[in-house]
Amino acid sequence: METDVKVANRFITVFSRLIRKTLDYSSRDEITIQDEKEYLSTFLSLEQMRFENKFEYFFNIAANIEKNEIRIPPMLLQPYIENAIRHGINNKKDGTGKIIITISLKNNNLICDITDNGIGRLASEKLKGNVHLEYQSKGMELTAKRIELLNVNRKFPIKVSITDLINTEGNSLGTKVTLVFPGN
């Protein structure tokens, strides 16, 4: 029982931190890469507790990234990470799930890759049937609209691409989402 209380207290503490960060960052136009990393780490820690450590996560931030200087719109990566967990990793039957968030600079563009080793989009859609498609598409629809609105005021638009990772036999190795923030 004492262990359950400790776990519940830890969960509430991390959840409270996530809510505070969400309220703080939602009122800002941009936050630093370091702030975004801390926000995502808090979210991912909470999800690890919820899904009983079914996955691990890693950040690979290039050495030439000034984490406290470069700024991006807040909480833009989180919906893609949530999708990776809920639809890819949560349905994974074998092995530990992995989420890798890679941030790099290339040709004056900030590139954020979110790679998972989940079951992939095709297998996920087959599992779901039509039951949750409306829910998933709504979340991604809202994120797409947010990016569209952000792009109205940008000289160079934010770009998003989603790639299904497949081995030579045609089996899914996961999914990779790439967000490109030009002009950083």
N, C-alpha and C. Protein backbone atom coordinates (compact mmCIF):
# COMPACT_ATOMS: atom_id res chain seq x y z
N MET A 1 0.83 -1.20 0.00
CA MET A 1 0.00 0.00 0.00
C MET A 1 0.87 1.26 0.00
N GLU A 2 1.95 1.23 0.79
CA GLU A 2 2.83 2.39 0.85
C GLU A 2 3.45 2.68 -0.52
N THR A 3 3.77 1.63 -1.26
CA THR A 3 4.32 1.80 -2.61
C THR A 3 3.30 2.46 -3.52
N ASP A 4 2.04 2.06 -3.42
CA ASP A 4 0.98 2.67 -4.23
C ASP A 4 0.85 4.16 -3.95
N VAL A 5 0.97 4.54 -2.69
CA VAL A 5 0.87 5.95 -2.31
C VAL A 5 2.05 6.72 -2.90
N LYS A 6 3.24 6.15 -2.84
CA LYS A 6 4.43 6.81 -3.41
C LYS A 6 4.28 6.98 -4.92
N VAL A 7 3.80 5.95 -5.59
CA VAL A 7 3.60 6.01 -7.04
C VAL A 7 2.56 7.07 -7.38
N ALA A 8 1.46 7.10 -6.63
CA ALA A 8 0.41 8.10 -6.86
C ALA A 8 0.94 9.51 -6.63
N ASN A 9 1.71 9.69 -5.57
CA ASN A 9 2.30 11.01 -5.29
C ASN A 9 3.24 11.45 -6.41
N ARG A 10 4.05 10.53 -6.89
CA ARG A 10 4.98 10.83 -7.99
C ARG A 10 4.19 11.22 -9.23
N PHE A 11 3.14 10.46 -9.54
CA PHE A 11 2.31 10.74 -10.71
C PHE A 11 1.69 12.14 -10.61
N ILE A 12 1.13 12.45 -9.47
CA ILE A 12 0.48 13.76 -9.27
C ILE A 12 1.50 14.89 -9.37
N THR A 13 2.69 14.68 -8.83
CA THR A 13 3.74 15.70 -8.90
C THR A 13 4.13 15.98 -10.34
N VAL A 14 4.36 14.93 -11.13
CA VAL A 14 4.75 15.11 -12.53
C VAL A 14 3.59 15.70 -13.33
N PHE A 15 2.38 15.24 -13.06
CA PHE A 15 1.20 15.77 -13.76
C PHE A 15 1.03 17.27 -13.46
N SER A 16 1.21 17.66 -12.21
CA SER A 16 1.11 19.08 -11.83
C SER A 16 2.15 19.92 -12.55
N ARG A 17 3.36 19.39 -12.65
CA ARG A 17 4.43 20.09 -13.37
C ARG A 17 4.05 20.27 -14.84
N LEU A 18 3.48 19.23 -15.44
CA LEU A 18 3.06 19.31 -16.85
C LEU A 18 1.96 20.36 -17.03
N ILE A 19 1.00 20.39 -16.14
CA ILE A 19 -0.09 21.37 -16.22
C ILE A 19 0.46 22.79 -16.09
N ARG A 20 1.37 23.01 -15.13
CA ARG A 20 1.96 24.34 -14.96
C ARG A 20 2.71 24.78 -16.21
N LYS A 21 3.50 23.87 -16.78
CA LYS A 21 4.25 24.20 -18.00
C LYS A 21 3.29 24.46 -19.16
N THR A 22 2.23 23.67 -19.26
CA THR A 22 1.25 23.86 -20.34
C THR A 22 0.60 25.23 -20.24
N LEU A 23 0.18 25.60 -19.05
CA LEU A 23 -0.44 26.92 -18.86
C LEU A 23 0.54 28.04 -19.15
N ASP A 24 1.76 27.89 -18.71
CA ASP A 24 2.78 28.91 -18.95
C ASP A 24 3.10 29.03 -20.44
N TYR A 25 3.39 27.92 -21.09
CA TYR A 25 3.83 27.94 -22.49
C TYR A 25 2.71 28.26 -23.46
N SER A 26 1.48 27.94 -23.11
CA SER A 26 0.37 28.19 -24.04
C SER A 26 0.12 29.68 -24.26
N SER A 27 0.62 30.51 -23.36
CA SER A 27 0.44 31.96 -23.52
C SER A 27 1.62 32.61 -24.25
N ARG A 28 2.59 31.82 -24.66
CA ARG A 28 3.77 32.35 -25.34
C ARG A 28 3.73 32.02 -26.83
N ASP A 29 4.31 32.91 -27.62
CA ASP A 29 4.43 32.65 -29.06
C ASP A 29 5.54 31.66 -29.36
N GLU A 30 6.62 31.76 -28.59
CA GLU A 30 7.77 30.88 -28.79
C GLU A 30 8.42 30.56 -27.45
N ILE A 31 9.10 29.41 -27.42
CA ILE A 31 9.90 29.03 -26.26
C ILE A 31 11.24 28.51 -26.77
N THR A 32 12.21 28.40 -25.87
CA THR A 32 13.52 27.90 -26.28
C THR A 32 13.47 26.38 -26.50
N ILE A 33 14.46 25.89 -27.22
CA ILE A 33 14.59 24.44 -27.41
C ILE A 33 14.72 23.76 -26.05
N GLN A 34 15.45 24.37 -25.12
CA GLN A 34 15.60 23.81 -23.78
C GLN A 34 14.25 23.71 -23.07
N ASP A 35 13.43 24.74 -23.16
CA ASP A 35 12.09 24.70 -22.56
C ASP A 35 11.25 23.59 -23.19
N GLU A 36 11.31 23.47 -24.51
CA GLU A 36 10.55 22.43 -25.21
C GLU A 36 11.01 21.05 -24.78
N LYS A 37 12.33 20.87 -24.65
CA LYS A 37 12.86 19.58 -24.20
C LYS A 37 12.35 19.25 -22.80
N GLU A 38 12.38 20.23 -21.90
CA GLU A 38 11.89 20.00 -20.53
C GLU A 38 10.40 19.66 -20.53
N TYR A 39 9.63 20.36 -21.35
CA TYR A 39 8.20 20.08 -21.46
C TYR A 39 7.97 18.65 -21.94
N LEU A 40 8.67 18.28 -23.01
CA LEU A 40 8.51 16.93 -23.57
C LEU A 40 8.99 15.87 -22.59
N SER A 41 10.07 16.13 -21.87
CA SER A 41 10.56 15.18 -20.87
C SER A 41 9.52 14.96 -19.77
N THR A 42 8.88 16.03 -19.35
CA THR A 42 7.83 15.91 -18.33
C THR A 42 6.66 15.09 -18.87
N PHE A 43 6.22 15.40 -20.09
CA PHE A 43 5.13 14.65 -20.71
C PHE A 43 5.51 13.17 -20.86
N LEU A 44 6.71 12.90 -21.35
CA LEU A 44 7.14 11.51 -21.57
C LEU A 44 7.30 10.75 -20.26
N SER A 45 7.76 11.41 -19.20
CA SER A 45 7.86 10.77 -17.89
C SER A 45 6.49 10.34 -17.39
N LEU A 46 5.52 11.20 -17.57
CA LEU A 46 4.15 10.90 -17.18
C LEU A 46 3.60 9.71 -17.98
N GLU A 47 3.85 9.72 -19.28
CA GLU A 47 3.39 8.62 -20.14
C GLU A 47 4.10 7.31 -19.78
N GLN A 48 5.37 7.37 -19.42
CA GLN A 48 6.07 6.16 -18.99
C GLN A 48 5.40 5.55 -17.76
N MET A 49 4.99 6.40 -16.83
CA MET A 49 4.29 5.91 -15.64
C MET A 49 2.96 5.28 -16.03
N ARG A 50 2.23 5.95 -16.90
CA ARG A 50 0.91 5.45 -17.32
C ARG A 50 1.02 4.11 -18.04
N PHE A 51 2.02 3.98 -18.88
CA PHE A 51 2.18 2.77 -19.68
C PHE A 51 3.22 1.82 -19.10
N GLU A 52 3.51 1.97 -17.81
CA GLU A 52 4.37 1.06 -17.06
C GLU A 52 5.69 0.79 -17.75
N ASN A 53 6.36 1.87 -18.15
CA ASN A 53 7.69 1.79 -18.77
C ASN A 53 7.73 0.89 -19.99
N LYS A 54 6.68 0.93 -20.78
CA LYS A 54 6.62 0.14 -22.02
C LYS A 54 7.56 0.71 -23.09
N PHE A 55 8.06 1.91 -22.86
CA PHE A 55 8.95 2.53 -23.83
C PHE A 55 10.02 3.35 -23.11
N GLU A 56 11.06 3.66 -23.87
CA GLU A 56 12.10 4.57 -23.40
C GLU A 56 12.23 5.68 -24.43
N TYR A 57 12.81 6.78 -23.99
CA TYR A 57 12.95 7.89 -24.92
C TYR A 57 14.32 8.52 -24.80
N PHE A 58 14.74 9.14 -25.90
CA PHE A 58 16.06 9.75 -25.97
C PHE A 58 15.96 11.07 -26.72
N PHE A 59 16.77 12.02 -26.32
CA PHE A 59 16.93 13.28 -27.04
C PHE A 59 18.33 13.30 -27.63
N ASN A 60 18.41 13.58 -28.92
CA ASN A 60 19.70 13.80 -29.58
C ASN A 60 19.66 15.23 -30.12
N ILE A 61 20.29 16.12 -29.40
CA ILE A 61 20.32 17.52 -29.82
C ILE A 61 21.74 17.84 -30.28
N ALA A 62 21.85 18.25 -31.53
CA ALA A 62 23.16 18.51 -32.12
C ALA A 62 23.94 19.52 -31.29
N ALA A 63 25.26 19.35 -31.28
CA ALA A 63 26.14 20.21 -30.48
C ALA A 63 26.08 21.67 -30.91
N ASN A 64 25.76 21.92 -32.18
CA ASN A 64 25.72 23.31 -32.66
C ASN A 64 24.39 24.02 -32.39
N ILE A 65 23.49 23.36 -31.69
CA ILE A 65 22.20 23.96 -31.33
C ILE A 65 22.38 24.75 -30.03
N GLU A 66 22.05 26.01 -30.08
CA GLU A 66 22.07 26.83 -28.87
C GLU A 66 20.69 26.69 -28.21
N LYS A 67 20.58 25.73 -27.28
CA LYS A 67 19.30 25.34 -26.70
C LYS A 67 18.58 26.47 -25.98
N ASN A 68 19.33 27.42 -25.46
CA ASN A 68 18.71 28.53 -24.74
C ASN A 68 18.54 29.78 -25.60
N GLU A 69 18.87 29.67 -26.87
CA GLU A 69 18.76 30.81 -27.79
C GLU A 69 17.72 30.56 -28.89
N ILE A 70 17.77 29.38 -29.49
CA ILE A 70 16.86 29.07 -30.60
C ILE A 70 15.46 28.85 -30.05
N ARG A 71 14.48 29.46 -30.72
CA ARG A 71 13.10 29.42 -30.24
C ARG A 71 12.18 28.82 -31.30
N ILE A 72 11.15 28.11 -30.81
CA ILE A 72 10.13 27.52 -31.68
C ILE A 72 8.76 27.72 -31.03
N PRO A 73 7.67 27.56 -31.80
CA PRO A 73 6.34 27.61 -31.18
C PRO A 73 6.22 26.50 -30.13
N PRO A 74 5.61 26.80 -29.00
CA PRO A 74 5.55 25.82 -27.91
C PRO A 74 4.63 24.64 -28.19
N MET A 75 5.01 23.51 -27.65
CA MET A 75 4.18 22.30 -27.58
C MET A 75 3.75 21.79 -28.96
N LEU A 76 4.53 22.06 -29.98
CA LEU A 76 4.17 21.63 -31.33
C LEU A 76 4.58 20.18 -31.59
N LEU A 77 5.58 19.69 -30.90
CA LEU A 77 6.05 18.32 -31.10
C LEU A 77 5.22 17.31 -30.31
N GLN A 78 4.64 17.74 -29.21
CA GLN A 78 3.93 16.84 -28.29
C GLN A 78 2.83 16.01 -28.94
N PRO A 79 1.96 16.57 -29.79
CA PRO A 79 0.90 15.73 -30.37
C PRO A 79 1.44 14.57 -31.21
N TYR A 80 2.57 14.79 -31.88
CA TYR A 80 3.16 13.72 -32.69
C TYR A 80 3.76 12.64 -31.79
N ILE A 81 4.35 13.05 -30.67
CA ILE A 81 4.90 12.08 -29.72
C ILE A 81 3.76 11.29 -29.07
N GLU A 82 2.69 11.98 -28.73
CA GLU A 82 1.53 11.29 -28.15
C GLU A 82 0.97 10.25 -29.12
N ASN A 83 0.88 10.60 -30.40
CA ASN A 83 0.42 9.64 -31.40
C ASN A 83 1.36 8.43 -31.49
N ALA A 84 2.66 8.68 -31.44
CA ALA A 84 3.63 7.59 -31.50
C ALA A 84 3.40 6.60 -30.35
N ILE A 85 3.15 7.13 -29.17
CA ILE A 85 2.92 6.27 -28.00
C ILE A 85 1.59 5.54 -28.12
N ARG A 86 0.52 6.27 -28.35
CA ARG A 86 -0.82 5.69 -28.32
C ARG A 86 -1.10 4.73 -29.46
N HIS A 87 -0.61 5.05 -30.65
CA HIS A 87 -0.98 4.24 -31.81
C HIS A 87 0.13 3.31 -32.28
N GLY A 88 1.37 3.61 -31.96
CA GLY A 88 2.48 2.79 -32.41
C GLY A 88 3.04 1.91 -31.32
N ILE A 89 3.50 2.53 -30.26
CA ILE A 89 4.19 1.80 -29.19
C ILE A 89 3.23 1.03 -28.29
N ASN A 90 2.09 1.61 -27.98
CA ASN A 90 1.13 0.94 -27.10
C ASN A 90 0.66 -0.39 -27.69
N ASN A 91 0.62 -0.49 -29.01
CA ASN A 91 0.17 -1.73 -29.66
C ASN A 91 1.32 -2.67 -29.99
N LYS A 92 2.52 -2.32 -29.63
CA LYS A 92 3.70 -3.14 -29.91
C LYS A 92 3.69 -4.35 -28.99
N LYS A 93 3.82 -5.54 -29.57
CA LYS A 93 3.74 -6.77 -28.79
C LYS A 93 5.11 -7.24 -28.28
N ASP A 94 6.16 -6.99 -29.04
CA ASP A 94 7.47 -7.51 -28.67
C ASP A 94 8.48 -6.39 -28.46
N GLY A 95 9.28 -6.54 -27.43
CA GLY A 95 10.35 -5.59 -27.18
C GLY A 95 9.88 -4.27 -26.58
N THR A 96 10.85 -3.48 -26.22
CA THR A 96 10.59 -2.17 -25.62
C THR A 96 10.45 -1.13 -26.72
N GLY A 97 9.46 -0.27 -26.57
CA GLY A 97 9.30 0.82 -27.51
C GLY A 97 10.37 1.87 -27.31
N LYS A 98 10.69 2.55 -28.41
CA LYS A 98 11.69 3.62 -28.34
C LYS A 98 11.16 4.83 -29.09
N ILE A 99 11.37 5.98 -28.48
CA ILE A 99 11.07 7.25 -29.14
C ILE A 99 12.36 8.07 -29.10
N ILE A 100 12.78 8.52 -30.26
CA ILE A 100 14.00 9.31 -30.36
C ILE A 100 13.64 10.67 -30.94
N ILE A 101 13.95 11.71 -30.19
CA ILE A 101 13.70 13.08 -30.65
C ILE A 101 15.07 13.67 -31.01
N THR A 102 15.25 13.93 -32.30
CA THR A 102 16.52 14.45 -32.80
C THR A 102 16.31 15.88 -33.29
N ILE A 103 17.16 16.78 -32.82
CA ILE A 103 17.07 18.18 -33.23
C ILE A 103 18.42 18.58 -33.81
N SER A 104 18.36 19.09 -35.05
CA SER A 104 19.60 19.45 -35.74
C SER A 104 19.39 20.72 -36.56
N LEU A 105 20.50 21.30 -36.99
CA LEU A 105 20.47 22.46 -37.88
C LEU A 105 21.08 22.04 -39.21
N LYS A 106 20.38 22.37 -40.30
CA LYS A 106 20.90 22.06 -41.62
C LYS A 106 20.45 23.16 -42.57
N ASN A 107 21.41 23.79 -43.24
CA ASN A 107 21.11 24.86 -44.20
C ASN A 107 20.21 25.93 -43.61
N ASN A 108 20.52 26.36 -42.39
CA ASN A 108 19.75 27.41 -41.71
C ASN A 108 18.32 26.98 -41.34
N ASN A 109 18.06 25.68 -41.36
CA ASN A 109 16.76 25.14 -40.96
C ASN A 109 16.93 24.33 -39.68
N LEU A 110 16.01 24.51 -38.74
CA LEU A 110 15.96 23.67 -37.55
C LEU A 110 15.11 22.46 -37.91
N ILE A 111 15.67 21.27 -37.73
CA ILE A 111 14.96 20.04 -38.10
C ILE A 111 14.72 19.23 -36.83
N CYS A 112 13.45 18.90 -36.59
CA CYS A 112 13.05 18.09 -35.44
C CYS A 112 12.47 16.78 -35.97
N ASP A 113 13.16 15.68 -35.69
CA ASP A 113 12.69 14.36 -36.08
C ASP A 113 12.19 13.63 -34.85
N ILE A 114 11.02 13.02 -34.97
CA ILE A 114 10.46 12.17 -33.92
C ILE A 114 10.34 10.78 -34.53
N THR A 115 11.18 9.86 -34.07
CA THR A 115 11.22 8.52 -34.64
C THR A 115 10.79 7.52 -33.57
N ASP A 116 9.91 6.59 -33.95
CA ASP A 116 9.51 5.54 -33.02
C ASP A 116 9.67 4.18 -33.69
N ASN A 117 9.75 3.14 -32.88
CA ASN A 117 9.83 1.78 -33.39
C ASN A 117 8.52 1.02 -33.14
N GLY A 118 7.41 1.75 -33.22
CA GLY A 118 6.09 1.16 -33.01
C GLY A 118 5.66 0.31 -34.19
N ILE A 119 4.39 -0.03 -34.22
CA ILE A 119 3.87 -0.95 -35.23
C ILE A 119 3.65 -0.29 -36.59
N GLY A 120 3.73 1.01 -36.66
CA GLY A 120 3.55 1.71 -37.93
C GLY A 120 2.10 2.12 -38.15
N ARG A 121 1.93 3.05 -39.07
CA ARG A 121 0.59 3.62 -39.30
C ARG A 121 -0.38 2.62 -39.91
N LEU A 122 0.08 1.82 -40.87
CA LEU A 122 -0.82 0.88 -41.54
C LEU A 122 -1.35 -0.16 -40.55
N ALA A 123 -0.45 -0.76 -39.77
CA ALA A 123 -0.87 -1.76 -38.78
C ALA A 123 -1.78 -1.14 -37.72
N SER A 124 -1.49 0.08 -37.33
CA SER A 124 -2.31 0.77 -36.33
C SER A 124 -3.73 0.98 -36.85
N GLU A 125 -3.84 1.41 -38.10
CA GLU A 125 -5.18 1.63 -38.67
C GLU A 125 -5.95 0.33 -38.80
N LYS A 126 -5.26 -0.76 -39.12
CA LYS A 126 -5.93 -2.07 -39.21
C LYS A 126 -6.47 -2.49 -37.84
N LEU A 127 -5.67 -2.25 -36.79
CA LEU A 127 -6.10 -2.60 -35.44
C LEU A 127 -7.31 -1.79 -34.98
N LYS A 128 -7.31 -0.53 -35.33
CA LYS A 128 -8.37 0.36 -34.87
C LYS A 128 -9.68 0.14 -35.60
N GLY A 129 -9.61 -0.29 -36.83
CA GLY A 129 -10.82 -0.31 -37.64
C GLY A 129 -11.26 1.13 -37.82
N ASN A 130 -12.52 1.40 -37.74
CA ASN A 130 -13.02 2.76 -37.90
C ASN A 130 -13.40 3.40 -36.57
N VAL A 131 -13.20 2.69 -35.48
CA VAL A 131 -13.68 3.16 -34.18
C VAL A 131 -13.05 4.47 -33.74
N HIS A 132 -11.72 4.58 -33.80
CA HIS A 132 -11.04 5.75 -33.26
C HIS A 132 -10.49 6.67 -34.35
N LEU A 133 -10.78 6.39 -35.59
CA LEU A 133 -10.22 7.21 -36.67
C LEU A 133 -10.61 8.67 -36.53
N GLU A 134 -11.85 8.94 -36.16
CA GLU A 134 -12.31 10.31 -36.02
C GLU A 134 -11.53 11.03 -34.93
N TYR A 135 -11.27 10.34 -33.82
CA TYR A 135 -10.51 10.94 -32.72
C TYR A 135 -9.09 11.28 -33.16
N GLN A 136 -8.42 10.31 -33.80
CA GLN A 136 -7.04 10.55 -34.22
C GLN A 136 -6.98 11.66 -35.25
N SER A 137 -7.84 11.59 -36.25
CA SER A 137 -7.77 12.59 -37.30
C SER A 137 -8.09 13.98 -36.75
N LYS A 138 -8.93 14.07 -35.73
CA LYS A 138 -9.25 15.36 -35.12
C LYS A 138 -8.01 15.97 -34.46
N GLY A 139 -7.27 15.16 -33.71
CA GLY A 139 -6.05 15.65 -33.07
C GLY A 139 -5.03 16.12 -34.08
N MET A 140 -4.84 15.34 -35.11
CA MET A 140 -3.88 15.72 -36.15
C MET A 140 -4.42 16.89 -36.98
N GLU A 141 -5.73 16.92 -37.14
CA GLU A 141 -6.36 18.04 -37.86
C GLU A 141 -6.13 19.35 -37.11
N LEU A 142 -6.29 19.33 -35.80
CA LEU A 142 -6.07 20.54 -34.99
C LEU A 142 -4.61 20.98 -35.04
N THR A 143 -3.69 20.02 -35.01
CA THR A 143 -2.27 20.35 -35.09
C THR A 143 -1.95 20.94 -36.46
N ALA A 144 -2.50 20.35 -37.51
CA ALA A 144 -2.27 20.88 -38.87
C ALA A 144 -2.82 22.30 -38.99
N LYS A 145 -3.99 22.55 -38.41
CA LYS A 145 -4.57 23.91 -38.46
C LYS A 145 -3.70 24.90 -37.68
N ARG A 146 -3.16 24.44 -36.56
CA ARG A 146 -2.29 25.32 -35.78
C ARG A 146 -1.05 25.70 -36.60
N ILE A 147 -0.45 24.72 -37.26
CA ILE A 147 0.72 25.00 -38.10
C ILE A 147 0.34 25.93 -39.25
N GLU A 148 -0.83 25.70 -39.82
CA GLU A 148 -1.32 26.57 -40.90
C GLU A 148 -1.45 28.02 -40.41
N LEU A 149 -2.00 28.19 -39.22
CA LEU A 149 -2.13 29.54 -38.65
C LEU A 149 -0.77 30.16 -38.34
N LEU A 150 0.14 29.36 -37.82
CA LEU A 150 1.49 29.86 -37.54
C LEU A 150 2.18 30.29 -38.83
N ASN A 151 1.92 29.57 -39.91
CA ASN A 151 2.58 29.86 -41.18
C ASN A 151 2.09 31.15 -41.83
N VAL A 152 0.91 31.63 -41.45
CA VAL A 152 0.37 32.87 -42.01
C VAL A 152 1.33 34.03 -41.75
N ASN A 153 1.93 34.06 -40.58
CA ASN A 153 2.82 35.16 -40.19
C ASN A 153 4.30 34.87 -40.41
N ARG A 154 4.60 33.77 -41.07
CA ARG A 154 6.00 33.41 -41.28
C ARG A 154 6.41 33.65 -42.73
N LYS A 155 7.60 34.16 -42.91
CA LYS A 155 8.13 34.34 -44.26
C LYS A 155 8.38 32.98 -44.91
N PHE A 156 8.92 32.04 -44.11
CA PHE A 156 9.17 30.68 -44.58
C PHE A 156 8.35 29.72 -43.72
N PRO A 157 7.47 28.93 -44.32
CA PRO A 157 6.54 28.10 -43.54
C PRO A 157 7.21 26.90 -42.85
N ILE A 158 6.60 26.51 -41.73
CA ILE A 158 6.96 25.27 -41.05
C ILE A 158 6.45 24.13 -41.92
N LYS A 159 7.28 23.10 -42.10
CA LYS A 159 6.88 21.96 -42.92
C LYS A 159 6.86 20.70 -42.06
N VAL A 160 5.89 19.83 -42.34
CA VAL A 160 5.77 18.56 -41.63
C VAL A 160 5.71 17.43 -42.65
N SER A 161 6.47 16.37 -42.40
CA SER A 161 6.37 15.17 -43.23
C SER A 161 6.35 13.95 -42.32
N ILE A 162 5.63 12.93 -42.76
CA ILE A 162 5.54 11.68 -42.00
C ILE A 162 6.00 10.55 -42.91
N THR A 163 6.95 9.75 -42.41
CA THR A 163 7.53 8.67 -43.19
C THR A 163 7.30 7.35 -42.47
N ASP A 164 6.80 6.37 -43.20
CA ASP A 164 6.68 5.01 -42.66
C ASP A 164 8.03 4.33 -42.84
N LEU A 165 8.60 3.83 -41.76
CA LEU A 165 9.89 3.16 -41.81
C LEU A 165 9.65 1.67 -42.06
N ILE A 166 10.23 1.16 -43.14
CA ILE A 166 9.97 -0.22 -43.57
C ILE A 166 11.29 -0.89 -43.91
N ASN A 167 11.43 -2.17 -43.51
CA ASN A 167 12.65 -2.91 -43.86
C ASN A 167 12.55 -3.48 -45.28
N THR A 168 13.58 -4.20 -45.71
CA THR A 168 13.62 -4.70 -47.09
C THR A 168 12.53 -5.74 -47.38
N GLU A 169 12.01 -6.38 -46.34
CA GLU A 169 10.92 -7.35 -46.52
C GLU A 169 9.54 -6.68 -46.52
N GLY A 170 9.51 -5.38 -46.30
CA GLY A 170 8.25 -4.66 -46.29
C GLY A 170 7.59 -4.59 -44.92
N ASN A 171 8.30 -5.02 -43.88
CA ASN A 171 7.75 -4.97 -42.52
C ASN A 171 8.02 -3.61 -41.88
N SER A 172 7.07 -3.17 -41.08
CA SER A 172 7.19 -1.86 -40.44
C SER A 172 8.27 -1.85 -39.36
N LEU A 173 9.05 -0.78 -39.38
CA LEU A 173 10.05 -0.55 -38.33
C LEU A 173 9.66 0.64 -37.46
N GLY A 174 8.51 1.25 -37.77
CA GLY A 174 8.05 2.41 -37.01
C GLY A 174 7.68 3.56 -37.92
N THR A 175 7.71 4.74 -37.34
CA THR A 175 7.30 5.96 -38.05
C THR A 175 8.26 7.09 -37.70
N LYS A 176 8.46 7.97 -38.66
CA LYS A 176 9.30 9.15 -38.44
C LYS A 176 8.53 10.39 -38.87
N VAL A 177 8.40 11.33 -37.94
CA VAL A 177 7.77 12.62 -38.23
C VAL A 177 8.88 13.66 -38.24
N THR A 178 8.91 14.47 -39.28
CA THR A 178 9.91 15.53 -39.40
C THR A 178 9.22 16.88 -39.47
N LEU A 179 9.62 17.77 -38.58
CA LEU A 179 9.16 19.16 -38.63
C LEU A 179 10.37 20.02 -38.97
N VAL A 180 10.21 20.87 -39.98
CA VAL A 180 11.29 21.75 -40.41
C VAL A 180 10.86 23.18 -40.13
N PHE A 181 11.69 23.87 -39.34
CA PHE A 181 11.48 25.28 -39.00
C PHE A 181 12.53 26.09 -39.76
N PRO A 182 12.16 26.68 -40.90
CA PRO A 182 13.15 27.41 -41.70
C PRO A 182 13.64 28.69 -41.03
N GLY A 183 14.87 29.05 -41.38
CA GLY A 183 15.40 30.35 -40.98
C GLY A 183 15.89 30.47 -39.57
N ASN A 184 16.37 29.39 -38.97
CA ASN A 184 16.90 29.48 -37.60
C ASN A 184 18.40 29.59 -37.61
